């Protein structure tokens, strides 16, 4: 019954969707990406972000009993990034015994630790991919620091909705979601010679995948699983999302439809949204039908990049299924 209610409230038509996408040229692409880098990092270009960037602290060949049964694993390196307000991001770099010189960046969502993505990590290790696994700020092995906020006192950061309290004239807390990714990629660029970077994210990690691949063309293939939908389709309260998913200063300048175009645009680039048809958590149903063809037409107009939607009807869970993993592998290869 709830499913029918959601679908009956999808009132926007394809003409409206086309109007919402203010991208018609490479110049528009560049302008939108410049806005994103300035929004997150307060600089005009991603290259300037890279030039100013730190590198992660690296602990090589660590031991973690949670991963002792992984196959085709040579070693795990721990990458730790510390940024503003003492917020840290802990990632694991899973290095296979046999490598195909391609990297998967796996990003977990609000569920917590990337340990929850063990099946996906093993799937790609089995096929000789290197995998770097990350979690969202304040989740998983990432810390939850106590911070001092002017006029409010000390608070312990344990929720994404609290991050809005860190906003100042000189700092945008949305940076906390993307900065560790570009820092890790800079390290991988420096230390390795991967032929391809692909990014896969589930739920909030799927949202992160959309945002980051829209900014950084180093990500060739991006796969957002149950990660986002345009604001006009978020009829159900469960679909609205946290602070980062509804930040008006971001989405009034680069909306979700435009982010999908940016994530797909570029030479040999592809962005895929994977929806679990009967997802009990997020973004089930068929709302994507209101924009799928519009974005595909936009990519043809722009002449570079590919956009695709894959609907997984093989299960009733909020997860990356075996079917989705096989589809991702086929797309990457």
Protein backbone atom coordinates (compact mmCIF):
# COMPACT_ATOMS: atom_id res chain seq x y z
CA UNK A 1 0.00 0.00 0.00
CA UNK A 2 2.81 2.42 0.89
CA UNK A 3 4.49 1.67 -2.45
CA UNK A 4 1.35 2.74 -4.36
CA UNK A 5 1.11 5.94 -2.31
CA UNK A 6 4.67 6.90 -3.16
CA UNK A 7 4.20 6.24 -6.87
CA UNK A 8 0.89 8.12 -7.05
CA UNK A 9 2.57 11.24 -5.68
CA UNK A 10 5.22 11.39 -8.40
CA UNK A 11 3.70 14.45 -10.03
CA UNK A 12 6.63 15.86 -11.98
CA UNK A 13 6.91 15.07 -15.69
CA UNK A 14 9.88 14.70 -17.99
CA UNK A 15 9.55 18.26 -19.31
CA UNK A 16 10.01 19.58 -15.77
CA UNK A 17 13.00 17.30 -15.27
CA UNK A 18 14.69 18.61 -18.40
CA UNK A 19 14.22 22.17 -17.14
CA UNK A 20 15.95 21.31 -13.85
CA UNK A 21 19.18 20.24 -15.61
CA UNK A 22 21.08 23.46 -16.33
CA UNK A 23 23.89 21.70 -18.19
CA UNK A 24 24.15 22.01 -21.96
CA UNK A 25 27.89 22.21 -22.67
CA UNK A 26 31.40 21.46 -21.43
CA UNK A 27 31.49 25.02 -20.09
CA UNK A 28 28.44 24.25 -17.94
CA UNK A 29 30.12 21.07 -16.70
CA UNK A 30 33.22 23.04 -15.71
CA UNK A 31 31.16 25.73 -13.99
CA UNK A 32 29.24 23.18 -11.92
CA UNK A 33 32.41 21.31 -10.94
CA UNK A 34 34.11 24.57 -9.99
CA UNK A 35 31.14 25.36 -7.77
CA UNK A 36 31.46 21.96 -6.08
CA UNK A 37 35.17 22.33 -5.34
CA UNK A 38 34.60 25.81 -3.97
CA UNK A 39 31.61 24.61 -1.94
CA UNK A 40 33.50 21.74 -0.31
CA UNK A 41 37.07 23.09 -0.18
CA UNK A 42 36.80 26.85 -0.73
CA UNK A 43 39.12 26.73 -3.75
CA UNK A 44 38.28 27.06 -7.43
CA UNK A 45 39.63 23.79 -8.86
CA UNK A 46 40.25 20.20 -7.81
CA UNK A 47 43.87 20.50 -8.91
CA UNK A 48 44.40 23.24 -6.33
CA UNK A 49 42.79 20.99 -3.73
CA UNK A 50 45.26 18.22 -4.65
CA UNK A 51 48.21 20.60 -4.60
CA UNK A 52 47.38 21.70 -1.05
CA UNK A 53 46.41 18.26 0.17
CA UNK A 54 48.03 16.17 2.86
CA UNK A 55 48.58 12.42 2.54
CA UNK A 56 47.17 9.77 4.88
CA UNK A 57 49.15 8.20 7.68
CA UNK A 58 49.90 4.66 6.51
CA UNK A 59 50.35 1.56 8.66
CA UNK A 60 51.44 -1.30 6.44
CA UNK A 61 50.57 -4.98 6.78
CA UNK A 62 48.30 -4.67 9.79
CA UNK A 63 46.53 -7.54 11.49
CA UNK A 64 42.74 -7.47 11.89
CA UNK A 65 41.04 -10.70 12.87
CA UNK A 66 37.79 -9.57 11.27
CA UNK A 67 39.42 -10.13 7.88
CA UNK A 68 41.56 -13.20 8.61
CA UNK A 69 39.52 -15.44 6.30
CA UNK A 70 39.71 -13.25 3.19
CA UNK A 71 41.10 -15.07 0.16
CA UNK A 72 43.64 -13.76 -2.39
CA UNK A 73 44.77 -11.20 0.18
CA UNK A 74 48.45 -10.29 0.39
CA UNK A 75 48.12 -7.65 3.12
CA UNK A 76 45.99 -4.87 4.59
CA UNK A 77 47.30 -1.32 4.97
CA UNK A 78 45.50 1.10 7.29
CA UNK A 79 45.13 4.65 5.95
CA UNK A 80 44.24 7.33 8.51
CA UNK A 81 43.29 10.87 7.59
CA UNK A 82 42.72 13.57 10.22
CA UNK A 83 40.99 16.76 9.18
CA UNK A 84 39.22 19.69 10.82
CA UNK A 85 37.83 19.45 14.36
CA UNK A 86 39.93 16.33 14.95
CA UNK A 87 37.60 14.24 12.77
CA UNK A 88 39.45 11.19 11.49
CA UNK A 89 38.77 8.76 8.67
CA UNK A 90 40.15 5.21 8.83
CA UNK A 91 40.30 3.23 5.59
CA UNK A 92 41.65 -0.22 4.79
CA UNK A 93 43.60 -0.91 1.61
CA UNK A 94 43.16 -4.59 0.71
CA UNK A 95 46.02 -5.65 -1.56
CA UNK A 96 45.51 -8.92 -3.45
CA UNK A 97 48.16 -11.58 -3.98
CA UNK A 98 47.46 -11.32 -7.69
CA UNK A 99 46.54 -7.91 -9.05
CA UNK A 100 44.75 -6.82 -12.22
CA UNK A 101 46.00 -3.25 -11.62
CA UNK A 102 42.46 -1.95 -11.11
CA UNK A 103 41.13 -0.42 -7.90
CA UNK A 104 37.68 -0.51 -6.32
CA UNK A 105 36.84 2.21 -3.80
CA UNK A 106 34.09 0.70 -1.65
CA UNK A 107 32.16 3.14 0.55
CA UNK A 108 29.89 1.95 3.34
CA UNK A 109 26.79 3.93 4.33
CA UNK A 110 24.94 4.81 7.51
CA UNK A 111 24.97 1.16 8.57
CA UNK A 112 28.44 1.79 9.97
CA UNK A 113 31.66 -0.15 9.49
CA UNK A 114 32.81 -1.30 6.06
CA UNK A 115 33.05 -4.72 7.68
CA UNK A 116 29.42 -4.88 6.57
CA UNK A 117 30.72 -4.89 3.00
CA UNK A 118 32.85 -7.99 3.48
CA UNK A 119 31.05 -9.91 0.71
CA UNK A 120 31.71 -7.12 -1.79
CA UNK A 121 35.34 -6.78 -0.71
CA UNK A 122 35.89 -10.54 -1.11
CA UNK A 123 34.07 -10.60 -4.45
CA UNK A 124 36.49 -8.12 -5.97
CA UNK A 125 39.59 -9.56 -4.27
CA UNK A 126 38.65 -12.91 -5.83
CA UNK A 127 38.83 -11.19 -9.20
CA UNK A 128 42.22 -9.60 -8.50
CA UNK A 129 41.05 -6.06 -7.78
CA UNK A 130 42.71 -3.96 -5.10
CA UNK A 131 40.04 -2.58 -2.76
CA UNK A 132 40.13 0.49 -0.54
CA UNK A 133 37.22 0.47 1.91
CA UNK A 134 35.90 3.58 3.64
CA UNK A 135 33.12 4.59 6.04
CA UNK A 136 31.17 7.81 6.44
CA UNK A 137 32.26 10.42 9.01
CA UNK A 138 31.68 9.45 12.65
CA UNK A 139 30.83 5.83 11.71
CA UNK A 140 32.68 2.52 11.73
CA UNK A 141 36.26 2.89 12.98
CA UNK A 142 36.09 6.64 12.46
CA UNK A 143 36.17 8.67 15.66
CA UNK A 144 33.47 10.78 17.31
CA UNK A 145 35.40 13.72 18.74
CA UNK A 146 34.24 16.16 21.39
CA UNK A 147 34.30 19.67 19.94
CA UNK A 148 33.91 23.16 21.36
CA UNK A 149 31.35 25.33 19.56
CA UNK A 150 31.17 29.05 20.25
CA UNK A 151 28.11 29.89 22.31
CA UNK A 152 27.06 26.26 22.65
CA UNK A 153 29.84 24.62 24.62
CA UNK A 154 31.19 21.12 24.12
CA UNK A 155 29.34 18.45 22.17
CA UNK A 156 30.26 14.91 21.16
CA UNK A 157 29.84 14.43 17.44
CA UNK A 158 27.90 11.21 16.87
CA UNK A 159 25.34 12.20 14.24
CA UNK A 160 25.58 13.71 10.77
CA UNK A 161 22.79 16.13 11.64
CA UNK A 162 25.07 17.66 14.29
CA UNK A 163 27.61 18.63 11.65
CA UNK A 164 25.55 21.66 10.64
CA UNK A 165 26.60 23.15 14.00
CA UNK A 166 30.20 23.31 12.72
CA UNK A 167 29.37 25.68 9.87
CA UNK A 168 31.35 28.93 9.93
CA UNK A 169 32.29 31.57 7.40
CA UNK A 170 35.56 29.73 6.79
CA UNK A 171 34.53 26.08 7.11
CA UNK A 172 31.88 23.91 5.48
CA UNK A 173 31.39 20.61 7.38
CA UNK A 174 30.22 18.96 4.15
CA UNK A 175 33.95 18.74 3.41
CA UNK A 176 34.20 15.94 5.97
CA UNK A 177 32.35 13.59 3.60
CA UNK A 178 34.66 14.01 0.61
CA UNK A 179 38.09 15.19 1.74
CA UNK A 180 39.32 11.78 2.97
CA UNK A 181 38.50 10.30 -0.45
CA UNK A 182 40.60 12.75 -2.43
CA UNK A 183 43.43 12.40 0.11
CA UNK A 184 43.38 8.60 -0.28
CA UNK A 185 43.31 8.86 -4.08
CA UNK A 186 46.26 11.24 -4.04
CA UNK A 187 48.19 8.66 -2.02
CA UNK A 188 47.22 5.88 -4.43
CA UNK A 189 48.26 8.04 -7.40
CA UNK A 190 51.63 8.61 -5.77
CA UNK A 191 52.38 5.05 -4.66
CA UNK A 192 50.71 2.87 -7.31
CA UNK A 193 49.99 2.78 -11.03
CA UNK A 194 46.39 1.61 -11.20
CA UNK A 195 44.88 1.57 -14.66
CA UNK A 196 41.38 2.34 -13.43
CA UNK A 197 39.52 3.63 -10.38
CA UNK A 198 35.90 2.54 -9.84
CA UNK A 199 33.73 3.55 -6.89
CA UNK A 200 30.90 1.56 -5.32
CA UNK A 201 28.76 2.78 -2.44
CA UNK A 202 25.74 1.51 -0.54
CA UNK A 203 23.11 3.79 1.00
CA UNK A 204 24.92 6.84 2.41
CA UNK A 205 28.00 5.46 0.70
CA UNK A 206 25.99 5.52 -2.52
CA UNK A 207 25.24 9.19 -1.88
CA UNK A 208 28.96 9.76 -1.32
CA UNK A 209 29.69 7.98 -4.59
CA UNK A 210 27.40 10.34 -6.51
CA UNK A 211 28.91 13.44 -4.92
CA UNK A 212 32.55 12.45 -5.26
CA UNK A 213 32.41 11.05 -8.78
CA UNK A 214 30.66 14.26 -9.86
CA UNK A 215 33.77 16.18 -8.78
CA UNK A 216 36.71 13.93 -9.65
CA UNK A 217 37.12 12.45 -13.13
CA UNK A 218 39.70 10.01 -11.80
CA UNK A 219 36.68 7.85 -10.95
CA UNK A 220 35.96 6.07 -14.24
CA UNK A 221 32.98 3.96 -13.18
CA UNK A 222 30.69 4.82 -10.29
CA UNK A 223 27.89 2.70 -8.83
CA UNK A 224 25.46 4.13 -6.30
CA UNK A 225 23.34 1.42 -4.67
CA UNK A 226 20.22 2.68 -2.90
CA UNK A 227 22.04 5.98 -2.52
CA UNK A 228 19.91 8.90 -3.67
CA UNK A 229 17.06 10.22 -5.74
CA UNK A 230 16.10 13.77 -6.72
CA UNK A 231 14.43 15.83 -3.99
CA UNK A 232 11.11 16.02 -5.89
CA UNK A 233 10.75 12.23 -5.56
CA UNK A 234 11.35 12.11 -1.81
CA UNK A 235 7.72 11.80 -0.80
CA UNK A 236 8.28 9.27 2.01
CA UNK A 237 9.88 10.61 5.18
CA UNK A 238 12.36 7.72 5.18
CA UNK A 239 13.74 8.94 1.84
CA UNK A 240 14.51 12.53 2.89
CA UNK A 241 17.93 11.74 4.32
CA UNK A 242 20.28 13.44 6.76
CA UNK A 243 21.87 16.89 6.76
CA UNK A 244 24.21 16.07 3.91
CA UNK A 245 21.41 14.80 1.64
CA UNK A 246 19.26 17.92 1.97
CA UNK A 247 21.81 20.75 2.23
CA UNK A 248 20.00 23.55 0.43
CA UNK A 249 23.17 25.55 -0.27
CA UNK A 250 24.46 22.63 -2.32
CA UNK A 251 21.37 21.34 -4.08
CA UNK A 252 19.97 24.69 -5.17
CA UNK A 253 23.22 25.21 -7.10
CA UNK A 254 23.92 21.64 -8.25
CA UNK A 255 20.84 19.46 -7.88
CA UNK A 256 20.78 15.68 -7.88
CA UNK A 257 19.93 15.40 -11.57
CA UNK A 258 22.93 17.57 -12.38
CA UNK A 259 25.11 15.51 -10.06
CA UNK A 260 24.15 12.38 -12.01
CA UNK A 261 25.18 14.10 -15.25
CA UNK A 262 28.49 15.23 -13.73
CA UNK A 263 29.19 11.73 -12.38
CA UNK A 264 28.65 10.25 -15.84
CA UNK A 265 30.39 12.91 -17.93
CA UNK A 266 33.89 12.42 -19.34
CA UNK A 267 36.00 10.19 -21.54
CA UNK A 268 35.32 6.50 -20.79
CA UNK A 269 33.20 7.37 -17.76
CA UNK A 270 29.97 5.81 -16.59
CA UNK A 271 27.62 6.40 -13.69
CA UNK A 272 25.12 3.72 -12.69
CA UNK A 273 22.32 4.02 -10.18
CA UNK A 274 21.33 0.65 -8.76
CA UNK A 275 17.94 0.52 -7.09
CA UNK A 276 16.68 -2.44 -5.09
CA UNK A 277 13.10 -2.65 -6.36
CA UNK A 278 11.72 -3.74 -2.99
CA UNK A 279 14.21 -1.97 -0.73
CA UNK A 280 12.80 -1.72 2.83
CA UNK A 281 15.07 1.24 3.59
CA UNK A 282 15.48 3.68 0.78
CA UNK A 283 14.40 4.67 -2.73
CA UNK A 284 12.30 1.69 -3.75
CA UNK A 285 9.70 1.95 -6.48
CA UNK A 286 9.93 3.37 -9.98
CA UNK A 287 10.45 7.11 -9.52
CA UNK A 288 13.61 6.88 -11.61
CA UNK A 289 11.39 6.55 -14.68
CA UNK A 290 10.73 10.31 -14.49
CA UNK A 291 14.36 11.17 -15.27
CA UNK A 292 16.19 8.14 -16.69
CA UNK A 293 15.62 8.91 -20.37
CA UNK A 294 16.14 12.64 -19.87
CA UNK A 295 19.63 12.09 -18.46
CA UNK A 296 20.49 9.53 -21.13
CA UNK A 297 19.49 12.07 -23.79
CA UNK A 298 21.55 14.71 -22.01
CA UNK A 299 24.64 12.49 -22.12
CA UNK A 300 24.13 11.95 -25.86
CA UNK A 301 23.87 15.71 -26.31
CA UNK A 302 27.08 16.31 -24.34
CA UNK A 303 28.88 13.59 -26.31
CA UNK A 304 30.94 12.08 -23.48
CA UNK A 305 30.01 9.61 -20.79
CA UNK A 306 27.22 7.15 -20.02
CA UNK A 307 24.37 6.98 -17.54
CA UNK A 308 22.44 3.85 -16.64
CA UNK A 309 19.88 2.65 -14.13
CA UNK A 310 19.85 -0.99 -13.01
CA UNK A 311 16.88 -2.29 -11.05
CA UNK A 312 17.59 -5.30 -8.84
CA UNK A 313 14.43 -7.33 -8.22
CA UNK A 314 16.18 -10.47 -6.96
CA UNK A 315 15.72 -9.75 -3.22
CA UNK A 316 13.88 -7.59 -0.67
CA UNK A 317 16.81 -6.13 1.27
CA UNK A 318 18.90 -2.96 1.50
CA UNK A 319 22.15 -4.38 0.22
CA UNK A 320 24.48 -4.99 -2.70
CA UNK A 321 23.35 -8.39 -3.96
CA UNK A 322 25.26 -11.06 -5.86
CA UNK A 323 23.30 -9.99 -8.95
CA UNK A 324 24.39 -6.38 -8.51
CA UNK A 325 28.03 -7.37 -7.99
CA UNK A 326 28.04 -9.45 -11.16
CA UNK A 327 26.47 -6.56 -13.06
CA UNK A 328 29.10 -4.15 -11.70
CA UNK A 329 31.92 -6.52 -12.67
CA UNK A 330 30.58 -6.90 -16.20
CA UNK A 331 30.26 -3.12 -16.53
CA UNK A 332 33.80 -2.46 -15.30
CA UNK A 333 35.34 -5.13 -17.52
